[in-house]
Amino acid sequence: MTNQELYDLMARFDRSTLQSLKLSQGDFTIELARGGVSVPAVPTAAAPVAAAAAPVQEDEGPVVGAPLVGTFYAAPAPDQPPFVSVGDRVQKGQTLCLLEAMKTMVEVPAPCDCVIEAILKANGELAAFGEALMRYKPC
């Protein structure tokens, strides 16, 4: 399954009323679910596997998770400063970053008034559904 096919599948799932979806093709399986539950895709043996990011430990604080699979962008444009930096105090709903999926930019908002403790993704890096993007401390 190509990246474009995965993006199309996720977009259709997002627009549907389904609560979960499981798709298998040969050795490849993907499960989509609502409510922040994520199940990683199982790649085929022939497909290259990207190195997984180190898991964020719960005692380090709450995190902002990726609402969809996409490319992480810290700034609105390459020549502009990032939306937030470590140590910034942000308000609920303020844009923290962008995720690009299927040529569409999706703003990721702050879940509450908080201070950004860490930015866990590099600019231009692919983010998986539910993967931690930033760690924060509620105010």
Protein backbone atom coordinates (compact mmCIF):
# COMPACT_ATOMS: atom_id res chain seq x y z
CA MET A 1 0.00 0.00 0.00
CA THR A 2 1.46 3.36 -0.99
CA ASN A 3 1.60 6.43 1.25
CA GLN A 4 -1.02 8.12 -0.95
CA GLU A 5 -3.38 5.16 -0.56
CA LEU A 6 -2.88 5.31 3.23
CA TYR A 7 -3.62 9.06 3.27
CA ASP A 8 -6.77 8.49 1.17
CA LEU A 9 -7.91 5.69 3.48
CA MET A 10 -7.37 7.85 6.59
CA ALA A 11 -9.20 10.80 5.05
CA ARG A 12 -12.19 8.63 4.15
CA PHE A 13 -12.20 7.09 7.64
CA ASP A 14 -12.07 10.58 9.16
CA ARG A 15 -15.12 11.66 7.12
CA SER A 16 -17.07 8.49 7.96
CA THR A 17 -19.08 7.58 11.05
CA LEU A 18 -17.10 4.38 11.61
CA GLN A 19 -15.54 3.96 15.05
CA SER A 20 -12.86 1.50 13.92
CA LEU A 21 -11.51 -0.05 10.74
CA LYS A 22 -9.12 -2.93 10.13
CA LEU A 23 -7.63 -3.60 6.69
CA SER A 24 -5.31 -6.45 5.75
CA GLN A 25 -3.48 -7.00 2.48
CA GLY A 26 -1.09 -9.93 2.54
CA ASP A 27 1.33 -9.36 5.44
CA PHE A 28 0.27 -5.71 5.83
CA THR A 29 -2.41 -4.77 8.39
CA ILE A 30 -3.60 -1.36 9.52
CA GLU A 31 -6.20 -0.54 12.17
CA LEU A 32 -7.82 2.87 12.57
CA ALA A 33 -9.90 3.82 15.62
CA ARG A 34 -11.46 6.96 17.04
CA GLY A 35 -10.71 8.35 20.49
CA GLY A 36 -6.92 8.57 20.34
CA VAL A 37 -6.35 4.81 20.17
CA SER A 38 -3.63 3.94 17.70
CA VAL A 39 -2.50 0.56 16.46
CA PRO A 40 0.71 0.59 14.42
CA ALA A 41 0.70 -0.87 10.94
CA VAL A 42 2.52 -4.17 10.49
CA PRO A 43 4.89 -3.81 7.49
CA THR A 44 5.67 -6.64 5.10
CA ALA A 45 9.04 -8.33 5.41
CA ALA A 46 10.17 -6.81 2.09
CA ALA A 47 9.28 -3.25 3.07
CA PRO A 48 11.93 -1.09 4.73
CA VAL A 49 11.12 -0.25 8.32
CA ALA A 50 11.82 3.24 9.63
CA ALA A 51 13.46 3.54 13.03
CA ALA A 52 10.81 4.12 15.66
CA ALA A 53 11.05 7.20 17.86
CA ALA A 54 11.88 6.56 21.49
CA PRO A 55 8.65 6.27 23.44
CA VAL A 56 7.80 9.15 25.74
CA GLN A 57 7.55 8.07 29.33
CA GLU A 58 4.38 9.06 31.14
CA ASP A 59 6.19 10.58 34.11
CA GLU A 60 7.78 13.17 31.80
CA GLY A 61 4.44 14.93 31.41
CA PRO A 62 1.50 15.08 29.04
CA VAL A 63 2.07 15.25 25.30
CA VAL A 64 0.32 16.66 22.26
CA GLY A 65 -0.28 13.73 19.92
CA ALA A 66 -0.55 13.82 16.13
CA PRO A 67 -4.23 13.83 15.12
CA LEU A 68 -3.32 12.18 11.79
CA VAL A 69 -0.38 10.80 9.84
CA GLY A 70 1.53 13.62 8.20
CA THR A 71 4.69 15.65 7.84
CA PHE A 72 5.51 17.79 10.90
CA TYR A 73 6.23 21.48 10.33
CA ALA A 74 7.23 23.74 13.22
CA ALA A 75 6.71 26.98 11.25
CA PRO A 76 4.08 28.29 8.81
CA ALA A 77 6.75 28.64 6.09
CA PRO A 78 10.46 27.78 5.74
CA ASP A 79 11.52 31.44 6.06
CA GLN A 80 9.35 32.15 9.11
CA PRO A 81 9.99 31.53 12.83
CA PRO A 82 8.42 28.47 14.50
CA PHE A 83 4.95 28.68 16.00
CA VAL A 84 6.36 27.84 19.45
CA SER A 85 9.70 27.18 21.10
CA VAL A 86 10.66 25.32 24.24
CA GLY A 87 9.71 27.42 27.25
CA ASP A 88 6.92 29.33 25.49
CA ARG A 89 3.66 29.84 27.36
CA VAL A 90 0.70 29.16 25.06
CA GLN A 91 -3.06 29.49 25.34
CA LYS A 92 -5.64 26.79 24.70
CA GLY A 93 -6.32 26.56 20.96
CA GLN A 94 -3.14 28.37 19.91
CA THR A 95 -1.44 26.73 16.91
CA LEU A 96 1.59 24.68 17.96
CA CYS A 97 2.61 23.23 14.59
CA LEU A 98 1.29 22.02 11.25
CA LEU A 99 0.85 18.52 9.88
CA GLU A 100 0.69 18.12 6.12
CA ALA A 101 -1.37 15.25 4.78
CA MET A 102 -2.47 14.91 1.16
CA LYS A 103 -1.32 18.46 0.34
CA THR A 104 -3.51 19.81 3.14
CA MET A 105 -2.07 21.68 6.11
CA VAL A 106 -3.72 20.86 9.44
CA GLU A 107 -3.09 23.10 12.45
CA VAL A 108 -2.41 21.31 15.73
CA PRO A 109 -3.80 23.39 18.62
CA ALA A 110 -2.70 23.55 22.24
CA PRO A 111 -5.00 21.36 24.38
CA CYS A 112 -4.92 23.82 27.31
CA ASP A 113 -3.04 26.83 28.66
CA CYS A 114 0.45 25.41 29.08
CA VAL A 115 4.22 25.80 28.80
CA ILE A 116 6.02 23.86 26.04
CA GLU A 117 8.65 21.63 27.67
CA ALA A 118 9.98 19.78 24.61
CA ILE A 119 9.48 19.55 20.87
CA LEU A 120 9.77 15.86 20.07
CA LYS A 121 9.73 15.90 16.25
CA ALA A 122 12.18 17.47 13.81
CA ASN A 123 10.92 19.84 11.12
CA GLY A 124 9.94 17.88 8.01
CA GLU A 125 9.79 14.55 9.87
CA LEU A 126 6.88 12.14 9.34
CA ALA A 127 4.55 11.80 12.33
CA ALA A 128 2.37 8.74 12.91
CA PHE A 129 -1.20 8.92 14.16
CA GLY A 130 -1.15 9.50 17.93
CA GLU A 131 2.64 9.95 18.03
CA ALA A 132 3.90 12.52 20.54
CA LEU A 133 4.79 15.85 18.91
CA MET A 134 5.41 18.04 21.96
CA ARG A 135 5.54 17.67 25.72
CA TYR A 136 3.90 20.37 27.83
CA LYS A 137 3.21 21.40 31.40
CA PRO A 138 -0.35 22.63 32.09
CA CYS A 139 -0.64 26.08 33.65
